[in-house]
PDB file of N, CA and C in Angstrom:
ATOM      1  N   MET A   1     -10.387  -1.062 -26.388  1.00  0.00           N
ATOM      2  CA  MET A   1     -10.156  -0.738 -24.836  1.00  0.00           C
ATOM      3  C   MET A   1     -11.233   0.156 -24.531  1.00  0.00           C
ATOM      4  N   GLY A   2     -11.893  -0.223 -23.331  1.00  0.00           N
ATOM      5  CA  GLY A   2     -13.026   0.649 -22.867  1.00  0.00           C
ATOM      6  C   GLY A   2     -12.500   1.786 -22.092  1.00  0.00           C
ATOM      7  N   ILE A   3     -13.451   2.754 -21.809  1.00  0.00           N
ATOM      8  CA  ILE A   3     -13.027   3.973 -21.104  1.00  0.00           C
ATOM      9  C   ILE A   3     -12.539   3.733 -19.809  1.00  0.00           C
ATOM     10  N   GLY A   4     -13.096   2.783 -18.964  1.00  0.00           N
ATOM     11  CA  GLY A   4     -12.616   2.450 -17.703  1.00  0.00           C
ATOM     12  C   GLY A   4     -11.102   1.922 -17.787  1.00  0.00           C
ATOM     13  N   ALA A   5     -10.890   1.058 -18.825  1.00  0.00           N
ATOM     14  CA  ALA A   5      -9.558   0.506 -18.936  1.00  0.00           C
ATOM     15  C   ALA A   5      -8.492   1.564 -19.284  1.00  0.00           C
ATOM     16  N   ILE A   6      -8.956   2.663 -20.132  1.00  0.00           N
ATOM     17  CA  ILE A   6      -8.182   3.783 -20.655  1.00  0.00           C
ATOM     18  C   ILE A   6      -7.768   4.635 -19.362  1.00  0.00           C
ATOM     19  N   ALA A   7      -8.834   4.977 -18.510  1.00  0.00           N
ATOM     20  CA  ALA A   7      -8.606   5.768 -17.323  1.00  0.00           C
ATOM     21  C   ALA A   7      -7.683   5.093 -16.380  1.00  0.00           C
ATOM     22  N   ALA A   8      -7.788   3.695 -16.239  1.00  0.00           N
ATOM     23  CA  ALA A   8      -6.994   2.967 -15.264  1.00  0.00           C
ATOM     24  C   ALA A   8      -5.503   2.863 -15.895  1.00  0.00           C
ATOM     25  N   PHE A   9      -5.427   2.774 -17.226  1.00  0.00           N
ATOM     26  CA  PHE A   9      -4.113   2.858 -17.795  1.00  0.00           C
ATOM     27  C   PHE A   9      -3.441   4.308 -17.668  1.00  0.00           C
ATOM     28  N   ALA A  10      -4.184   5.305 -17.737  1.00  0.00           N
ATOM     29  CA  ALA A  10      -3.709   6.661 -17.617  1.00  0.00           C
ATOM     30  C   ALA A  10      -3.133   6.949 -16.095  1.00  0.00           C
ATOM     31  N   LEU A  11      -3.882   6.535 -15.274  1.00  0.00           N
ATOM     32  CA  LEU A  11      -3.533   6.732 -13.929  1.00  0.00           C
ATOM     33  C   LEU A  11      -2.302   5.975 -13.545  1.00  0.00           C
ATOM     34  N   VAL A  12      -2.140   4.747 -14.081  1.00  0.00           N
ATOM     35  CA  VAL A  12      -0.794   3.966 -13.765  1.00  0.00           C
ATOM     36  C   VAL A  12       0.296   4.571 -14.552  1.00  0.00           C
ATOM     37  N   ALA A  13       0.009   4.901 -15.809  1.00  0.00           N
ATOM     38  CA  ALA A  13       1.094   5.512 -16.649  1.00  0.00           C
ATOM     39  C   ALA A  13       1.700   6.753 -16.174  1.00  0.00           C
ATOM     40  N   CYS A  14       0.828   7.586 -15.519  1.00  0.00           N
ATOM     41  CA  CYS A  14       1.120   8.848 -15.056  1.00  0.00           C
ATOM     42  C   CYS A  14       1.652   8.809 -13.531  1.00  0.00           C
ATOM     43  N   GLY A  15       1.705   7.685 -13.004  1.00  0.00           N
ATOM     44  CA  GLY A  15       2.160   7.458 -11.589  1.00  0.00           C
ATOM     45  C   GLY A  15       1.126   7.990 -10.506  1.00  0.00           C
ATOM     46  N   GLY A  16      -0.238   8.156 -11.028  1.00  0.00           N
ATOM     47  CA  GLY A  16      -1.167   8.757 -10.061  1.00  0.00           C
ATOM     48  C   GLY A  16      -1.811   7.625  -9.304  1.00  0.00           C
ATOM     49  N   GLY A  17      -1.680   6.357  -9.701  1.00  0.00           N
ATOM     50  CA  GLY A  17      -2.382   5.253  -9.087  1.00  0.00           C
ATOM     51  C   GLY A  17      -1.644   4.846  -7.746  1.00  0.00           C
ATOM     52  N   ARG A  18      -2.292   4.246  -6.899  1.00  0.00           N
ATOM     53  CA  ARG A  18      -1.718   3.653  -5.636  1.00  0.00           C
ATOM     54  C   ARG A  18      -1.412   2.188  -5.616  1.00  0.00           C
ATOM     55  N   VAL A  19      -1.902   1.586  -6.777  1.00  0.00           N
ATOM     56  CA  VAL A  19      -1.727   0.145  -7.043  1.00  0.00           C
ATOM     57  C   VAL A  19      -0.248  -0.075  -7.266  1.00  0.00           C
ATOM     58  N   ARG A  20       0.363  -1.006  -6.544  1.00  0.00           N
ATOM     59  CA  ARG A  20       1.731  -1.187  -6.852  1.00  0.00           C
ATOM     60  C   ARG A  20       1.954  -2.293  -7.874  1.00  0.00           C
ATOM     61  N   ASP A  21       3.071  -2.083  -8.608  1.00  0.00           N
ATOM     62  CA  ASP A  21       3.533  -3.187  -9.643  1.00  0.00           C
ATOM     63  C   ASP A  21       4.020  -4.386  -8.684  1.00  0.00           C
ATOM     64  N   ALA A  22       3.627  -5.569  -8.906  1.00  0.00           N
ATOM     65  CA  ALA A  22       3.993  -6.673  -8.062  1.00  0.00           C
ATOM     66  C   ALA A  22       5.463  -6.924  -8.054  1.00  0.00           C
ATOM     67  N   ASP A  23       6.080  -6.479  -9.210  1.00  0.00           N
ATOM     68  CA  ASP A  23       7.595  -6.794  -9.265  1.00  0.00           C
ATOM     69  C   ASP A  23       8.460  -5.567  -8.918  1.00  0.00           C
ATOM     70  N   ALA A  24       7.742  -4.482  -8.595  1.00  0.00           N
ATOM     71  CA  ALA A  24       8.697  -3.250  -8.347  1.00  0.00           C
ATOM     72  C   ALA A  24       9.301  -3.356  -6.909  1.00  0.00           C
ATOM     73  N   PRO A  25      10.570  -3.152  -6.789  1.00  0.00           N
ATOM     74  CA  PRO A  25      11.154  -3.242  -5.604  1.00  0.00           C
ATOM     75  C   PRO A  25      10.795  -2.022  -4.636  1.00  0.00           C
ATOM     76  N   LEU A  26      10.847  -2.120  -3.373  1.00  0.00           N
ATOM     77  CA  LEU A  26      10.646  -1.035  -2.451  1.00  0.00           C
ATOM     78  C   LEU A  26      11.681  -0.008  -2.487  1.00  0.00           C
ATOM     79  N   SER A  27      11.379   1.188  -2.412  1.00  0.00           N
ATOM     80  CA  SER A  27      12.441   2.255  -2.271  1.00  0.00           C
ATOM     81  C   SER A  27      13.219   2.016  -1.091  1.00  0.00           C
ATOM     82  N   PRO A  28      14.574   2.480  -0.843  1.00  0.00           N
ATOM     83  CA  PRO A  28      15.333   2.177   0.285  1.00  0.00           C
ATOM     84  C   PRO A  28      14.623   2.721   1.623  1.00  0.00           C
ATOM     85  N   ALA A  29      13.896   3.842   1.554  1.00  0.00           N
ATOM     86  CA  ALA A  29      13.267   4.286   2.663  1.00  0.00           C
ATOM     87  C   ALA A  29      11.998   3.506   3.121  1.00  0.00           C
ATOM     88  N   ALA A  30      11.276   2.982   2.136  1.00  0.00           N
ATOM     89  CA  ALA A  30      10.194   2.155   2.342  1.00  0.00           C
ATOM     90  C   ALA A  30      10.625   0.727   2.904  1.00  0.00           C
ATOM     91  N   ALA A  31      11.791   0.297   2.471  1.00  0.00           N
ATOM     92  CA  ALA A  31      12.398  -0.979   2.941  1.00  0.00           C
ATOM     93  C   ALA A  31      12.608  -0.949   4.414  1.00  0.00           C
ATOM     94  N   LYS A  32      12.829   0.246   5.006  1.00  0.00           N
ATOM     95  CA  LYS A  32      13.246   0.458   6.326  1.00  0.00           C
ATOM     96  C   LYS A  32      11.992   0.555   7.244  1.00  0.00           C
ATOM     97  N   VAL A  33      10.823   0.766   6.711  1.00  0.00           N
ATOM     98  CA  VAL A  33       9.677   1.010   7.425  1.00  0.00           C
ATOM     99  C   VAL A  33       9.165  -0.437   8.114  1.00  0.00           C
ATOM    100  N   GLN A  34       9.013  -0.489   9.438  1.00  0.00           N
ATOM    101  CA  GLN A  34       8.744  -1.657  10.194  1.00  0.00           C
ATOM    102  C   GLN A  34       7.152  -1.706  10.291  1.00  0.00           C
ATOM    103  N   VAL A  35       6.676  -2.840  10.306  1.00  0.00           N
ATOM    104  CA  VAL A  35       5.242  -3.090  10.552  1.00  0.00           C
ATOM    105  C   VAL A  35       5.143  -3.592  12.068  1.00  0.00           C
ATOM    106  N   LEU A  36       4.450  -2.819  12.892  1.00  0.00           N
ATOM    107  CA  LEU A  36       4.276  -3.101  14.288  1.00  0.00           C
ATOM    108  C   LEU A  36       2.799  -3.494  14.534  1.00  0.00           C
ATOM    109  N   GLY A  37       2.718  -4.411  15.657  1.00  0.00           N
ATOM    110  CA  GLY A  37       1.426  -4.787  16.108  1.00  0.00           C
ATOM    111  C   GLY A  37       0.780  -3.566  16.870  1.00  0.00           C
ATOM    112  N   ALA A  38       1.535  -2.762  17.535  1.00  0.00           N
ATOM    113  CA  ALA A  38       1.151  -1.530  18.196  1.00  0.00           C
ATOM    114  C   ALA A  38       2.309  -0.690  18.362  1.00  0.00           C
ATOM    115  N   ALA A  39       2.086   0.647  18.374  1.00  0.00           N
ATOM    116  CA  ALA A  39       3.133   1.480  18.510  1.00  0.00           C
ATOM    117  C   ALA A  39       3.628   1.728  20.052  1.00  0.00           C
ATOM    118  N   GLN A  40       4.806   1.919  20.188  1.00  0.00           N
ATOM    119  CA  GLN A  40       5.328   2.180  21.496  1.00  0.00           C
ATOM    120  C   GLN A  40       4.910   3.610  21.965  1.00  0.00           C
ATOM    121  N   PRO A  41       4.720   3.812  23.318  1.00  0.00           N
ATOM    122  CA  PRO A  41       4.395   5.214  23.796  1.00  0.00           C
ATOM    123  C   PRO A  41       5.357   6.301  23.316  1.00  0.00           C
ATOM    124  N   THR A  42       6.508   5.948  23.089  1.00  0.00           N
ATOM    125  CA  THR A  42       7.520   6.983  22.597  1.00  0.00           C
ATOM    126  C   THR A  42       7.459   7.280  21.050  1.00  0.00           C
ATOM    127  N   CYS A  43       6.574   6.616  20.352  1.00  0.00           N
ATOM    128  CA  CYS A  43       6.429   6.850  18.918  1.00  0.00           C
ATOM    129  C   CYS A  43       5.471   7.976  18.705  1.00  0.00           C
ATOM    130  N   LYS A  44       5.697   8.782  17.735  1.00  0.00           N
ATOM    131  CA  LYS A  44       4.794   9.947  17.479  1.00  0.00           C
ATOM    132  C   LYS A  44       4.007   9.673  16.147  1.00  0.00           C
ATOM    133  N   LYS A  45       2.698   9.674  16.220  1.00  0.00           N
ATOM    134  CA  LYS A  45       1.940   9.460  14.982  1.00  0.00           C
ATOM    135  C   LYS A  45       1.958  10.683  14.184  1.00  0.00           C
ATOM    136  N   ILE A  46       2.194  10.387  12.948  1.00  0.00           N
ATOM    137  CA  ILE A  46       2.342  11.490  11.966  1.00  0.00           C
ATOM    138  C   ILE A  46       1.377  11.422  10.783  1.00  0.00           C
ATOM    139  N   GLY A  47       0.487  10.435  10.786  1.00  0.00           N
ATOM    140  CA  GLY A  47      -0.540  10.413   9.762  1.00  0.00           C
ATOM    141  C   GLY A  47      -1.051   8.988   9.509  1.00  0.00           C
ATOM    142  N   SER A  48      -1.876   8.992   8.437  1.00  0.00           N
ATOM    143  CA  SER A  48      -2.413   7.625   8.078  1.00  0.00           C
ATOM    144  C   SER A  48      -2.318   7.532   6.590  1.00  0.00           C
ATOM    145  N   VAL A  49      -2.093   6.248   6.019  1.00  0.00           N
ATOM    146  CA  VAL A  49      -2.121   5.974   4.721  1.00  0.00           C
ATOM    147  C   VAL A  49      -2.875   4.800   4.286  1.00  0.00           C
ATOM    148  N   ASN A  50      -3.107   4.688   2.869  1.00  0.00           N
ATOM    149  CA  ASN A  50      -3.862   3.619   2.505  1.00  0.00           C
ATOM    150  C   ASN A  50      -2.880   2.919   1.370  1.00  0.00           C
ATOM    151  N   GLY A  51      -2.866   1.580   1.379  1.00  0.00           N
ATOM    152  CA  GLY A  51      -2.158   0.853   0.440  1.00  0.00           C
ATOM    153  C   GLY A  51      -2.994  -0.011  -0.249  1.00  0.00           C
ATOM    154  N   ILE A  52      -2.980  -0.186  -1.626  1.00  0.00           N
ATOM    155  CA  ILE A  52      -3.867  -1.001  -2.368  1.00  0.00           C
ATOM    156  C   ILE A  52      -3.119  -1.990  -3.278  1.00  0.00           C
ATOM    157  N   GLY A  53      -3.540  -3.220  -3.249  1.00  0.00           N
ATOM    158  CA  GLY A  53      -3.071  -4.197  -4.143  1.00  0.00           C
ATOM    159  C   GLY A  53      -4.146  -4.837  -4.946  1.00  0.00           C
ATOM    160  N   GLU A  54      -3.857  -5.050  -6.202  1.00  0.00           N
ATOM    161  CA  GLU A  54      -4.783  -5.781  -7.159  1.00  0.00           C
ATOM    162  C   GLU A  54      -4.019  -6.853  -7.877  1.00  0.00           C
ATOM    163  N   ASP A  55      -4.631  -8.150  -7.839  1.00  0.00           N
ATOM    164  CA  ASP A  55      -3.992  -9.177  -8.526  1.00  0.00           C
ATOM    165  C   ASP A  55      -5.004 -10.295  -8.597  1.00  0.00           C
ATOM    166  N   LEU A  56      -4.743 -11.212  -9.446  1.00  0.00           N
ATOM    167  CA  LEU A  56      -5.685 -12.437  -9.462  1.00  0.00           C
ATOM    168  C   LEU A  56      -5.466 -13.283  -8.303  1.00  0.00           C
ATOM    169  N   ASP A  57      -4.223 -13.291  -7.607  1.00  0.00           N
ATOM    170  CA  ASP A  57      -3.839 -13.984  -6.541  1.00  0.00           C
ATOM    171  C   ASP A  57      -3.999 -13.113  -5.254  1.00  0.00           C
ATOM    172  N   GLU A  58      -4.841 -13.545  -4.261  1.00  0.00           N
ATOM    173  CA  GLU A  58      -5.076 -12.771  -3.034  1.00  0.00           C
ATOM    174  C   GLU A  58      -3.786 -12.508  -2.277  1.00  0.00           C
ATOM    175  N   LYS A  59      -2.802 -13.447  -2.295  1.00  0.00           N
ATOM    176  CA  LYS A  59      -1.592 -13.307  -1.544  1.00  0.00           C
ATOM    177  C   LYS A  59      -0.753 -12.157  -2.198  1.00  0.00           C
ATOM    178  N   VAL A  60      -0.822 -12.140  -3.512  1.00  0.00           N
ATOM    179  CA  VAL A  60       0.057 -11.119  -4.144  1.00  0.00           C
ATOM    180  C   VAL A  60      -0.622  -9.742  -3.953  1.00  0.00           C
ATOM    181  N   SER A  61      -1.914  -9.730  -4.041  1.00  0.00           N
ATOM    182  CA  SER A  61      -2.751  -8.417  -3.598  1.00  0.00           C
ATOM    183  C   SER A  61      -2.382  -7.941  -2.333  1.00  0.00           C
ATOM    184  N   ASP A  62      -2.247  -8.808  -1.347  1.00  0.00           N
ATOM    185  CA  ASP A  62      -2.077  -8.477   0.055  1.00  0.00           C
ATOM    186  C   ASP A  62      -0.644  -7.931   0.149  1.00  0.00           C
ATOM    187  N   ALA A  63       0.356  -8.547  -0.430  1.00  0.00           N
ATOM    188  CA  ALA A  63       1.743  -8.047  -0.389  1.00  0.00           C
ATOM    189  C   ALA A  63       1.849  -6.775  -1.054  1.00  0.00           C
ATOM    190  N   GLN A  64       1.203  -6.634  -2.143  1.00  0.00           N
ATOM    191  CA  GLN A  64       1.296  -5.275  -2.820  1.00  0.00           C
ATOM    192  C   GLN A  64       0.687  -4.092  -1.971  1.00  0.00           C
ATOM    193  N   ALA A  65      -0.387  -4.445  -1.368  1.00  0.00           N
ATOM    194  CA  ALA A  65      -1.020  -3.365  -0.456  1.00  0.00           C
ATOM    195  C   ALA A  65      -0.125  -3.058   0.774  1.00  0.00           C
ATOM    196  N   LEU A  66       0.604  -4.003   1.280  1.00  0.00           N
ATOM    197  CA  LEU A  66       1.521  -3.734   2.425  1.00  0.00           C
ATOM    198  C   LEU A  66       2.657  -2.934   1.851  1.00  0.00           C
ATOM    199  N   LYS A  67       3.176  -3.314   0.791  1.00  0.00           N
ATOM    200  CA  LYS A  67       4.402  -2.505   0.100  1.00  0.00           C
ATOM    201  C   LYS A  67       3.858  -1.087  -0.210  1.00  0.00           C
ATOM    202  N   ALA A  68       2.620  -1.011  -0.724  1.00  0.00           N
ATOM    203  CA  ALA A  68       2.124   0.436  -1.053  1.00  0.00           C
ATOM    204  C   ALA A  68       1.943   1.235   0.256  1.00  0.00           C
ATOM    205  N   ALA A  69       1.529   0.646   1.273  1.00  0.00           N
ATOM    206  CA  ALA A  69       1.375   1.371   2.586  1.00  0.00           C
ATOM    207  C   ALA A  69       2.691   1.710   3.082  1.00  0.00           C
ATOM    208  N   LYS A  70       3.808   0.887   3.020  1.00  0.00           N
ATOM    209  CA  LYS A  70       5.081   1.220   3.448  1.00  0.00           C
ATOM    210  C   LYS A  70       5.656   2.356   2.586  1.00  0.00           C
ATOM    211  N   GLU A  71       5.394   2.443   1.326  1.00  0.00           N
ATOM    212  CA  GLU A  71       5.908   3.552   0.374  1.00  0.00           C
ATOM    213  C   GLU A  71       5.280   4.784   0.783  1.00  0.00           C
ATOM    214  N   GLU A  72       4.019   4.796   1.080  1.00  0.00           N
ATOM    215  CA  GLU A  72       3.223   5.952   1.533  1.00  0.00           C
ATOM    216  C   GLU A  72       3.721   6.544   2.853  1.00  0.00           C
ATOM    217  N   ALA A  73       4.002   5.610   3.650  1.00  0.00           N
ATOM    218  CA  ALA A  73       4.554   6.032   4.917  1.00  0.00           C
ATOM    219  C   ALA A  73       5.912   6.580   4.866  1.00  0.00           C
ATOM    220  N   ALA A  74       6.817   6.038   4.127  1.00  0.00           N
ATOM    221  CA  ALA A  74       8.118   6.565   3.913  1.00  0.00           C
ATOM    222  C   ALA A  74       8.053   8.103   3.366  1.00  0.00           C
ATOM    223  N   LYS A  75       7.061   8.308   2.491  1.00  0.00           N
ATOM    224  CA  LYS A  75       6.788   9.606   1.905  1.00  0.00           C
ATOM    225  C   LYS A  75       6.415  10.703   3.018  1.00  0.00           C
ATOM    226  N   LEU A  76       5.832  10.103   4.047  1.00  0.00           N
ATOM    227  CA  LEU A  76       5.434  10.987   5.182  1.00  0.00           C
ATOM    228  C   LEU A  76       6.540  11.222   6.109  1.00  0.00           C
ATOM    229  N   GLY A  77       7.604  10.433   5.972  1.00  0.00           N
ATOM    230  CA  GLY A  77       8.694  10.447   6.944  1.00  0.00           C
ATOM    231  C   GLY A  77       8.604   9.535   8.115  1.00  0.00           C
ATOM    232  N   GLY A  78       7.636   8.574   7.930  1.00  0.00           N
ATOM    233  CA  GLY A  78       7.483   7.528   8.957  1.00  0.00           C
ATOM    234  C   GLY A  78       8.584   6.336   8.860  1.00  0.00           C
ATOM    235  N   ASP A  79       8.785   5.767  10.077  1.00  0.00           N
ATOM    236  CA  ASP A  79       9.596   4.586  10.141  1.00  0.00           C
ATOM    237  C   ASP A  79       8.868   3.450  10.512  1.00  0.00           C
ATOM    238  N   SER A  80       7.714   3.493  10.890  1.00  0.00           N
ATOM    239  CA  SER A  80       6.828   2.480  11.345  1.00  0.00           C
ATOM    240  C   SER A  80       5.494   2.588  11.028  1.00  0.00           C
ATOM    241  N   ILE A  81       4.671   1.440  10.778  1.00  0.00           N
ATOM    242  CA  ILE A  81       3.266   1.500  10.585  1.00  0.00           C
ATOM    243  C   ILE A  81       2.591   0.484  11.415  1.00  0.00           C
ATOM    244  N   VAL A  82       1.372   0.843  11.839  1.00  0.00           N
ATOM    245  CA  VAL A  82       0.462  -0.230  12.423  1.00  0.00           C
ATOM    246  C   VAL A  82      -0.781  -0.337  11.423  1.00  0.00           C
ATOM    247  N   ILE A  83      -0.983  -1.560  11.022  1.00  0.00           N
ATOM    248  CA  ILE A  83      -2.236  -1.805  10.180  1.00  0.00           C
ATOM    249  C   ILE A  83      -3.448  -1.597  10.988  1.00  0.00           C
ATOM    250  N   VAL A  84      -4.385  -0.797  10.614  1.00  0.00           N
ATOM    251  CA  VAL A  84      -5.576  -0.543  11.318  1.00  0.00           C
ATOM    252  C   VAL A  84      -6.747  -1.383  10.682  1.00  0.00           C
ATOM    253  N   THR A  85      -6.803  -1.400   9.398  1.00  0.00           N
ATOM    254  CA  THR A  85      -7.758  -2.289   8.779  1.00  0.00           C
ATOM    255  C   THR A  85      -7.316  -2.789   7.562  1.00  0.00           C
ATOM    256  N   THR A  86      -7.905  -4.022   7.170  1.00  0.00           N
ATOM    257  CA  THR A  86      -7.515  -4.669   5.842  1.00  0.00           C
ATOM    258  C   THR A  86      -8.893  -4.960   5.208  1.00  0.00           C
ATOM    259  N   ALA A  87      -9.223  -4.504   4.166  1.00  0.00           N
ATOM    260  CA  ALA A  87     -10.517  -4.786   3.387  1.00  0.00           C
ATOM    261  C   ALA A  87     -10.295  -5.426   2.077  1.00  0.00           C
ATOM    262  N   SER A  88     -11.022  -6.456   1.754  1.00  0.00           N
ATOM    263  CA  SER A  88     -10.801  -7.036   0.530  1.00  0.00           C
ATOM    264  C   SER A  88     -12.107  -6.976  -0.284  1.00  0.00           C
ATOM    265  N   ASP A  89     -11.935  -7.005  -1.583  1.00  0.00           N
ATOM    266  CA  ASP A  89     -13.074  -6.890  -2.522  1.00  0.00           C
ATOM    267  C   ASP A  89     -12.602  -7.617  -3.921  1.00  0.00           C
ATOM    268  N   VAL A  90     -13.531  -7.817  -4.701  1.00  0.00           N
ATOM    269  CA  VAL A  90     -13.200  -8.488  -5.940  1.00  0.00           C
ATOM    270  C   VAL A  90     -13.853  -7.596  -7.134  1.00  0.00           C
ATOM    271  N   LYS A  91     -13.134  -7.624  -8.185  1.00  0.00           N
ATOM    272  CA  LYS A  91     -13.774  -6.996  -9.406  1.00  0.00           C
ATOM    273  C   LYS A  91     -13.350  -7.776 -10.657  1.00  0.00           C
ATOM    274  N   ALA A  92     -14.250  -7.644 -11.652  1.00  0.00           N
ATOM    275  CA  ALA A  92     -13.841  -8.416 -12.843  1.00  0.00           C
ATOM    276  C   ALA A  92     -12.660  -7.769 -13.601  1.00  0.00           C
ATOM    277  N   GLY A  93     -11.803  -8.774 -13.965  1.00  0.00           N
ATOM    278  CA  GLY A  93     -10.567  -8.316 -14.723  1.00  0.00           C
ATOM    279  C   GLY A  93     -10.511  -9.071 -15.975  1.00  0.00           C
ATOM    280  N   ALA A  94      -9.499  -8.714 -16.919  1.00  0.00           N
ATOM    281  CA  ALA A  94      -9.305  -9.357 -18.279  1.00  0.00           C
ATOM    282  C   ALA A  94      -9.093 -10.844 -17.984  1.00  0.00           C
ATOM    283  N   GLY A  95      -8.301 -11.183 -17.017  1.00  0.00           N
ATOM    284  CA  GLY A  95      -7.817 -12.591 -16.680  1.00  0.00           C
ATOM    285  C   GLY A  95      -8.723 -13.322 -15.839  1.00  0.00           C
ATOM    286  N   GLY A  96      -9.788 -12.735 -15.278  1.00  0.00           N
ATOM    287  CA  GLY A  96     -10.679 -13.375 -14.236  1.00  0.00           C
ATOM    288  C   GLY A  96     -10.971 -12.397 -13.217  1.00  0.00           C
ATOM    289  N   THR A  97     -11.317 -12.913 -12.025  1.00  0.00           N
ATOM    290  CA  THR A  97     -11.698 -12.087 -10.963  1.00  0.00           C
ATOM    291  C   THR A  97     -10.531 -11.588 -10.236  1.00  0.00           C
ATOM    292  N   VAL A  98     -10.326 -10.360 -10.188  1.00  0.00           N
ATOM    293  CA  VAL A  98      -9.267  -9.629  -9.475  1.00  0.00           C
ATOM    294  C   VAL A  98      -9.517  -9.425  -7.989  1.00  0.00           C
ATOM    295  N   GLN A  99      -8.595  -9.785  -7.157  1.00  0.00           N
ATOM    296  CA  GLN A  99      -8.654  -9.567  -5.759  1.00  0.00           C
ATOM    297  C   GLN A  99      -8.205  -8.146  -5.385  1.00  0.00           C
ATOM    298  N   VAL A 100      -8.822  -7.282  -4.767  1.00  0.00           N
ATOM    299  CA  VAL A 100      -8.401  -6.024  -4.363  1.00  0.00           C
ATOM    300  C   VAL A 100      -8.294  -5.992  -2.884  1.00  0.00           C
ATOM    301  N   ILE A 101      -7.106  -5.743  -2.335  1.00  0.00           N
ATOM    302  CA  ILE A 101      -6.810  -5.626  -0.938  1.00  0.00           C
ATOM    303  C   ILE A 101      -6.504  -4.140  -0.680  1.00  0.00           C
ATOM    304  N   THR A 102      -7.115  -3.592   0.378  1.00  0.00           N
ATOM    305  CA  THR A 102      -6.765  -2.259   0.850  1.00  0.00           C
ATOM    306  C   THR A 102      -6.409  -2.244   2.207  1.00  0.00           C
ATOM    307  N   LYS A 103      -5.224  -1.747   2.563  1.00  0.00           N
ATOM    308  CA  LYS A 103      -4.721  -1.720   3.938  1.00  0.00           C
ATOM    309  C   LYS A 103      -4.672  -0.210   4.402  1.00  0.00           C
ATOM    310  N   THR A 104      -5.196   0.064   5.519  1.00  0.00           N
ATOM    311  CA  THR A 104      -5.105   1.304   6.130  1.00  0.00           C
ATOM    312  C   THR A 104      -4.111   1.264   7.307  1.00  0.00           C
ATOM    313  N   ALA A 105      -3.220   2.146   7.387  1.00  0.00           N
ATOM    314  CA  ALA A 105      -2.202   2.040   8.467  1.00  0.00           C
ATOM    315  C   ALA A 105      -2.079   3.417   9.112  1.00  0.00           C
ATOM    316  N   ASP A 106      -1.743   3.456  10.342  1.00  0.00           N
ATOM    317  CA  ASP A 106      -1.288   4.600  10.945  1.00  0.00           C
ATOM    318  C   ASP A 106       0.298   4.671  10.918  1.00  0.00           C
ATOM    319  N   VAL A 107       0.793   5.930  10.633  1.00  0.00           N
ATOM    320  CA  VAL A 107       2.232   6.003  10.382  1.00  0.00           C
ATOM    321  C   VAL A 107       2.792   6.687  11.559  1.00  0.00           C
ATOM    322  N   PHE A 108       3.923   6.173  11.971  1.00  0.00           N
ATOM    323  CA  PHE A 108       4.639   6.595  13.207  1.00  0.00           C
ATOM    324  C   PHE A 108       6.030   6.946  12.919  1.00  0.00           C
ATOM    325  N   ASP A 109       6.634   7.830  13.809  1.00  0.00           N
ATOM    326  CA  ASP A 109       8.042   8.189  13.807  1.00  0.00           C
ATOM    327  C   ASP A 109       8.509   7.648  15.169  1.00  0.00           C
ATOM    328  N   CYS A 110       9.233   6.548  15.116  1.00  0.00           N
ATOM    329  CA  CYS A 110       9.556   5.935  16.421  1.00  0.00           C
ATOM    330  C   CYS A 110      11.108   5.893  16.733  1.00  0.00           C
ATOM    331  N   ALA A 111      11.739   6.605  15.735  1.00  0.00           N
ATOM    332  CA  ALA A 111      13.321   6.711  15.796  1.00  0.00           C
ATOM    333  C   ALA A 111      13.693   7.644  17.039  1.00  0.00           C
ATOM    334  N   ALA A 112      14.735   7.184  17.721  1.00  0.00           N
ATOM    335  CA  ALA A 112      15.193   7.883  18.921  1.00  0.00           C
ATOM    336  C   ALA A 112      15.784   9.222  18.446  1.00  0.00           C
ATOM    337  N   LYS A 113      15.281  10.349  19.002  1.00  0.00           N
ATOM    338  CA  LYS A 113      15.793  11.655  18.473  1.00  0.00           C
ATOM    339  C   LYS A 113      16.920  12.198  19.447  1.00  0.00           C
TER     340      LYS A 113
END
């Protein structure tokens, strides 16, 4: 195992990584986060987040990135996100070329107070 693989393993094992496990269910709070095309004027922006997905399959990577963004938004107390950018890249992996998708999203609180 190379140093890069050990570092990546350590990040995932310690919970420090932002790449989601493809099979991990969303937390209850993240499951309630809505993805909007644009925020309503009554919504209050509370921050921005990044979600990263990595898999051999680009669709799986994209889904992981969205779920990761929702989890990060829930941690900020948001109930809605608007995807600002989606970037894709590739890197060499043990099973072939890994698709890396990064989604940046603005986080909003749109709940009626």
